[in-house]
Each structure stands twice: as C-alpha cells, then as structure tokens.
PDB file of all heavy atoms in Angstrom:
ATOM      1  N   ALA A   1     102.656 112.752  88.337  1.00  0.00           N
ATOM      2  CA  ALA A   1     102.469 112.781  89.796  1.00  0.00           C
ATOM      3  C   ALA A   1     101.330 113.723  90.170  1.00  0.00           C
ATOM      4  O   ALA A   1     100.572 113.442  91.090  1.00  0.00           O
ATOM      5  CB  ALA A   1     103.772 113.239  90.456  1.00  0.00           C
ATOM      6  N   ALA A   2     101.217 114.854  89.452  1.00  0.00           N
ATOM      7  CA  ALA A   2     100.138 115.789  89.733  1.00  0.00           C
ATOM      8  C   ALA A   2      98.790 115.135  89.451  1.00  0.00           C
ATOM      9  O   ALA A   2      97.840 115.309  90.246  1.00  0.00           O
ATOM     10  CB  ALA A   2     100.305 117.060  88.892  1.00  0.00           C
ATOM     11  N   LEU A   3      98.679 114.381  88.389  1.00  0.00           N
ATOM     12  CA  LEU A   3      97.431 113.672  88.085  1.00  0.00           C
ATOM     13  C   LEU A   3      97.092 112.653  89.174  1.00  0.00           C
ATOM     14  O   LEU A   3      95.939 112.555  89.581  1.00  0.00           O
ATOM     15  CB  LEU A   3      97.510 112.992  86.727  1.00  0.00           C
ATOM     16  CG  LEU A   3      97.511 113.924  85.512  1.00  0.00           C
ATOM     17  CD1 LEU A   3      97.706 113.129  84.239  1.00  0.00           C
ATOM     18  CD2 LEU A   3      96.217 114.707  85.447  1.00  0.00           C
ATOM     19  N   ASP A   4      98.117 111.939  89.627  1.00  0.00           N
ATOM     20  CA  ASP A   4      97.900 110.980  90.716  1.00  0.00           C
ATOM     21  C   ASP A   4      97.426 111.690  91.959  1.00  0.00           C
ATOM     22  O   ASP A   4      96.494 111.217  92.649  1.00  0.00           O
ATOM     23  CB  ASP A   4      99.172 110.193  91.028  1.00  0.00           C
ATOM     24  CG  ASP A   4      99.521 109.161  89.964  1.00  0.00           C
ATOM     25  OD1 ASP A   4      98.647 108.848  89.121  1.00  0.00           O
ATOM     26  OD2 ASP A   4     100.671 108.678  89.987  1.00  0.00           O
ATOM     27  N   GLY A   5      98.035 112.804  92.272  1.00  0.00           N
ATOM     28  CA  GLY A   5      97.637 113.580  93.439  1.00  0.00           C
ATOM     29  C   GLY A   5      96.224 114.115  93.316  1.00  0.00           C
ATOM     30  O   GLY A   5      95.449 114.073  94.267  1.00  0.00           O
ATOM     31  N   ASP A   6      95.856 114.564  92.122  1.00  0.00           N
ATOM     32  CA  ASP A   6      94.489 115.060  91.908  1.00  0.00           C
ATOM     33  C   ASP A   6      93.483 113.926  92.110  1.00  0.00           C
ATOM     34  O   ASP A   6      92.429 114.152  92.700  1.00  0.00           O
ATOM     35  CB  ASP A   6      94.362 115.619  90.481  1.00  0.00           C
ATOM     36  CG  ASP A   6      95.063 116.950  90.300  1.00  0.00           C
ATOM     37  OD1 ASP A   6      95.316 117.649  91.320  1.00  0.00           O
ATOM     38  OD2 ASP A   6      95.359 117.313  89.156  1.00  0.00           O
ATOM     39  N   GLN A   7      93.805 112.741  91.621  1.00  0.00           N
ATOM     40  CA  GLN A   7      92.909 111.598  91.786  1.00  0.00           C
ATOM     41  C   GLN A   7      92.744 111.228  93.268  1.00  0.00           C
ATOM     42  O   GLN A   7      91.665 110.985  93.753  1.00  0.00           O
ATOM     43  CB  GLN A   7      93.386 110.397  90.988  1.00  0.00           C
ATOM     44  CG  GLN A   7      93.221 110.581  89.502  1.00  0.00           C
ATOM     45  CD  GLN A   7      93.834 109.434  88.727  1.00  0.00           C
ATOM     46  OE1 GLN A   7      94.637 108.644  89.238  1.00  0.00           O
ATOM     47  NE2 GLN A   7      93.451 109.312  87.458  1.00  0.00           N
ATOM     48  N   ALA A   8      93.873 111.228  93.988  1.00  0.00           N
ATOM     49  CA  ALA A   8      93.831 110.898  95.403  1.00  0.00           C
ATOM     50  C   ALA A   8      93.059 111.973  96.175  1.00  0.00           C
ATOM     51  O   ALA A   8      92.340 111.649  97.128  1.00  0.00           O
ATOM     52  CB  ALA A   8      95.236 110.736  95.965  1.00  0.00           C
ATOM     53  N   ALA A   9      93.196 113.217  95.756  1.00  0.00           N
ATOM     54  CA  ALA A   9      92.483 114.306  96.433  1.00  0.00           C
ATOM     55  C   ALA A   9      90.986 114.219  96.259  1.00  0.00           C
ATOM     56  O   ALA A   9      90.210 114.730  97.074  1.00  0.00           O
ATOM     57  CB  ALA A   9      93.012 115.652  95.924  1.00  0.00           C
ATOM     58  N   LYS A  10      90.538 113.573  95.173  1.00  0.00           N
ATOM     59  CA  LYS A  10      89.110 113.448  94.899  1.00  0.00           C
ATOM     60  C   LYS A  10      88.516 112.129  95.390  1.00  0.00           C
ATOM     61  O   LYS A  10      87.308 111.940  95.330  1.00  0.00           O
ATOM     62  CB  LYS A  10      88.865 113.574  93.396  1.00  0.00           C
ATOM     63  CG  LYS A  10      89.190 114.921  92.848  1.00  0.00           C
ATOM     64  CD  LYS A  10      89.043 114.956  91.330  1.00  0.00           C
ATOM     65  CE  LYS A  10      89.513 116.291  90.771  1.00  0.00           C
ATOM     66  NZ  LYS A  10      89.494 116.293  89.322  1.00  0.00           N
ATOM     67  N   ASP A  11      89.346 111.236  95.878  1.00  0.00           N
ATOM     68  CA  ASP A  11      88.893 109.903  96.266  1.00  0.00           C
ATOM     69  C   ASP A  11      88.210 109.975  97.647  1.00  0.00           C
ATOM     70  O   ASP A  11      88.852 110.228  98.661  1.00  0.00           O
ATOM     71  CB  ASP A  11      90.085 108.961  96.314  1.00  0.00           C
ATOM     72  CG  ASP A  11      89.700 107.522  96.542  1.00  0.00           C
ATOM     73  OD1 ASP A  11      88.534 107.249  96.922  1.00  0.00           O
ATOM     74  OD2 ASP A  11      90.546 106.642  96.335  1.00  0.00           O
ATOM     75  N   PRO A  12      86.904 109.704  97.679  1.00  0.00           N
ATOM     76  CA  PRO A  12      86.189 109.774  98.972  1.00  0.00           C
ATOM     77  C   PRO A  12      86.612 108.684  99.949  1.00  0.00           C
ATOM     78  O   PRO A  12      86.317 108.788 101.139  1.00  0.00           O
ATOM     79  CB  PRO A  12      84.708 109.610  98.565  1.00  0.00           C
ATOM     80  CG  PRO A  12      84.721 108.961  97.218  1.00  0.00           C
ATOM     81  CD  PRO A  12      86.024 109.357  96.586  1.00  0.00           C
ATOM     82  N   ALA A  13      87.319 107.669  99.466  1.00  0.00           N
ATOM     83  CA  ALA A  13      87.801 106.613 100.362  1.00  0.00           C
ATOM     84  C   ALA A  13      88.968 107.112 101.212  1.00  0.00           C
ATOM     85  O   ALA A  13      89.261 106.535 102.259  1.00  0.00           O
ATOM     86  CB  ALA A  13      88.245 105.398  99.565  1.00  0.00           C
ATOM     87  N   ASN A  14      89.609 108.195 100.812  1.00  0.00           N
ATOM     88  CA  ASN A  14      90.706 108.772 101.575  1.00  0.00           C
ATOM     89  C   ASN A  14      90.160 109.680 102.664  1.00  0.00           C
ATOM     90  O   ASN A  14      89.092 110.303 102.485  1.00  0.00           O
ATOM     91  CB  ASN A  14      91.656 109.544 100.666  1.00  0.00           C
ATOM     92  CG  ASN A  14      92.435 108.643  99.727  1.00  0.00           C
ATOM     93  OD1 ASN A  14      92.682 107.496 100.036  1.00  0.00           O
ATOM     94  ND2 ASN A  14      92.783 109.174  98.571  1.00  0.00           N
ATOM     95  N   SER A  15      90.879 109.819 103.726  1.00  0.00           N
ATOM     96  CA  SER A  15      90.487 110.738 104.796  1.00  0.00           C
ATOM     97  C   SER A  15      90.627 112.189 104.318  1.00  0.00           C
ATOM     98  O   SER A  15      91.274 112.475 103.314  1.00  0.00           O
ATOM     99  CB  SER A  15      91.369 110.528 106.028  1.00  0.00           C
ATOM    100  OG  SER A  15      92.699 110.975 105.769  1.00  0.00           O
ATOM    101  N   ASP A  16      89.992 113.091 105.059  1.00  0.00           N
ATOM    102  CA  ASP A  16      90.107 114.517 104.723  1.00  0.00           C
ATOM    103  C   ASP A  16      91.562 114.932 104.720  1.00  0.00           C
ATOM    104  O   ASP A  16      92.003 115.709 103.858  1.00  0.00           O
ATOM    105  CB  ASP A  16      89.324 115.376 105.711  1.00  0.00           C
ATOM    106  CG  ASP A  16      87.828 115.230 105.560  1.00  0.00           C
ATOM    107  OD1 ASP A  16      87.370 114.739 104.504  1.00  0.00           O
ATOM    108  OD2 ASP A  16      87.106 115.627 106.495  1.00  0.00           O
ATOM    109  N   TYR A  17      92.298 114.449 105.718  1.00  0.00           N
ATOM    110  CA  TYR A  17      93.713 114.795 105.821  1.00  0.00           C
ATOM    111  C   TYR A  17      94.466 114.316 104.578  1.00  0.00           C
ATOM    112  O   TYR A  17      95.236 115.054 103.965  1.00  0.00           O
ATOM    113  CB  TYR A  17      94.323 114.187 107.080  1.00  0.00           C
ATOM    114  CG  TYR A  17      95.792 114.452 107.209  1.00  0.00           C
ATOM    115  CD1 TYR A  17      96.256 115.708 107.633  1.00  0.00           C
ATOM    116  CD2 TYR A  17      96.732 113.477 106.900  1.00  0.00           C
ATOM    117  CE1 TYR A  17      97.619 115.979 107.735  1.00  0.00           C
ATOM    118  CE2 TYR A  17      98.078 113.734 106.995  1.00  0.00           C
ATOM    119  CZ  TYR A  17      98.516 114.975 107.410  1.00  0.00           C
ATOM    120  OH  TYR A  17      99.865 115.228 107.508  1.00  0.00           O
ATOM    121  N   ALA A  18      94.267 113.030 104.209  1.00  0.00           N
ATOM    122  CA  ALA A  18      94.969 112.464 103.060  1.00  0.00           C
ATOM    123  C   ALA A  18      94.600 113.204 101.776  1.00  0.00           C
ATOM    124  O   ALA A  18      95.471 113.430 100.931  1.00  0.00           O
ATOM    125  CB  ALA A  18      94.650 110.969 102.929  1.00  0.00           C
ATOM    126  N   ARG A  19      93.345 113.571 101.633  1.00  0.00           N
ATOM    127  CA  ARG A  19      92.947 114.329 100.432  1.00  0.00           C
ATOM    128  C   ARG A  19      93.589 115.699 100.395  1.00  0.00           C
ATOM    129  O   ARG A  19      94.020 116.173  99.353  1.00  0.00           O
ATOM    130  CB  ARG A  19      91.424 114.443 100.364  1.00  0.00           C
ATOM    131  CG  ARG A  19      90.748 113.111 100.028  1.00  0.00           C
ATOM    132  CD  ARG A  19      89.307 113.282  99.608  1.00  0.00           C
ATOM    133  NE  ARG A  19      88.497 114.056 100.542  1.00  0.00           N
ATOM    134  CZ  ARG A  19      87.795 113.540 101.557  1.00  0.00           C
ATOM    135  NH1 ARG A  19      87.799 112.244 101.772  1.00  0.00           N
ATOM    136  NH2 ARG A  19      87.086 114.323 102.329  1.00  0.00           N
ATOM    137  N   GLY A  20      93.730 116.316 101.555  1.00  0.00           N
ATOM    138  CA  GLY A  20      94.403 117.621 101.628  1.00  0.00           C
ATOM    139  C   GLY A  20      95.868 117.527 101.259  1.00  0.00           C
ATOM    140  O   GLY A  20      96.397 118.358 100.526  1.00  0.00           O
ATOM    141  N   VAL A  21      96.527 116.510 101.804  1.00  0.00           N
ATOM    142  CA  VAL A  21      97.939 116.289 101.481  1.00  0.00           C
ATOM    143  C   VAL A  21      98.110 116.009  99.984  1.00  0.00           C
ATOM    144  O   VAL A  21      98.994 116.586  99.340  1.00  0.00           O
ATOM    145  CB  VAL A  21      98.524 115.143 102.320  1.00  0.00           C
ATOM    146  CG1 VAL A  21      99.908 114.755 101.832  1.00  0.00           C
ATOM    147  CG2 VAL A  21      98.588 115.556 103.785  1.00  0.00           C
ATOM    148  N   ALA A  22      97.247 115.170  99.431  1.00  0.00           N
ATOM    149  CA  ALA A  22      97.325 114.853  98.013  1.00  0.00           C
ATOM    150  C   ALA A  22      97.131 116.080  97.157  1.00  0.00           C
ATOM    151  O   ALA A  22      97.814 116.256  96.156  1.00  0.00           O
ATOM    152  CB  ALA A  22      96.296 113.772  97.644  1.00  0.00           C
ATOM    153  N   SER A  23      96.224 116.934  97.548  1.00  0.00           N
ATOM    154  CA  SER A  23      95.987 118.170  96.801  1.00  0.00           C
ATOM    155  C   SER A  23      97.216 119.071  96.801  1.00  0.00           C
ATOM    156  O   SER A  23      97.598 119.624  95.776  1.00  0.00           O
ATOM    157  CB  SER A  23      94.774 118.905  97.396  1.00  0.00           C
ATOM    158  OG  SER A  23      94.552 120.104  96.726  1.00  0.00           O
ATOM    159  N   ARG A  24      97.827 119.212  97.967  1.00  0.00           N
ATOM    160  CA  ARG A  24      99.045 120.038  98.062  1.00  0.00           C
ATOM    161  C   ARG A  24     100.194 119.426  97.288  1.00  0.00           C
ATOM    162  O   ARG A  24     100.950 120.130  96.616  1.00  0.00           O
ATOM    163  CB  ARG A  24      99.428 120.265  99.522  1.00  0.00           C
ATOM    164  CG  ARG A  24      98.449 121.207 100.235  1.00  0.00           C
ATOM    165  CD  ARG A  24      98.884 121.570 101.635  1.00  0.00           C
ATOM    166  NE  ARG A  24      98.897 120.447 102.564  1.00  0.00           N
ATOM    167  CZ  ARG A  24      97.839 119.954 103.183  1.00  0.00           C
ATOM    168  NH1 ARG A  24      96.640 120.500 102.977  1.00  0.00           N
ATOM    169  NH2 ARG A  24      97.959 118.957 104.016  1.00  0.00           N
TER     170      ARG A  24
END
C-alpha cells in the first residue's frame, strides 16, 4: 500500500490534493 501511495503521490496526472493525500 505504501508503494502504491508513493506512485500516486508522484503521478502528475493526479491533482495536488490527491498527491498530498497519497503521500500521507
């Protein structure tokens, strides 16, 4: 799950908000 979150946090297709949530 942490790896998935890290990938989502780095995905430029996601909004800033979504990347922040994924990182947390």
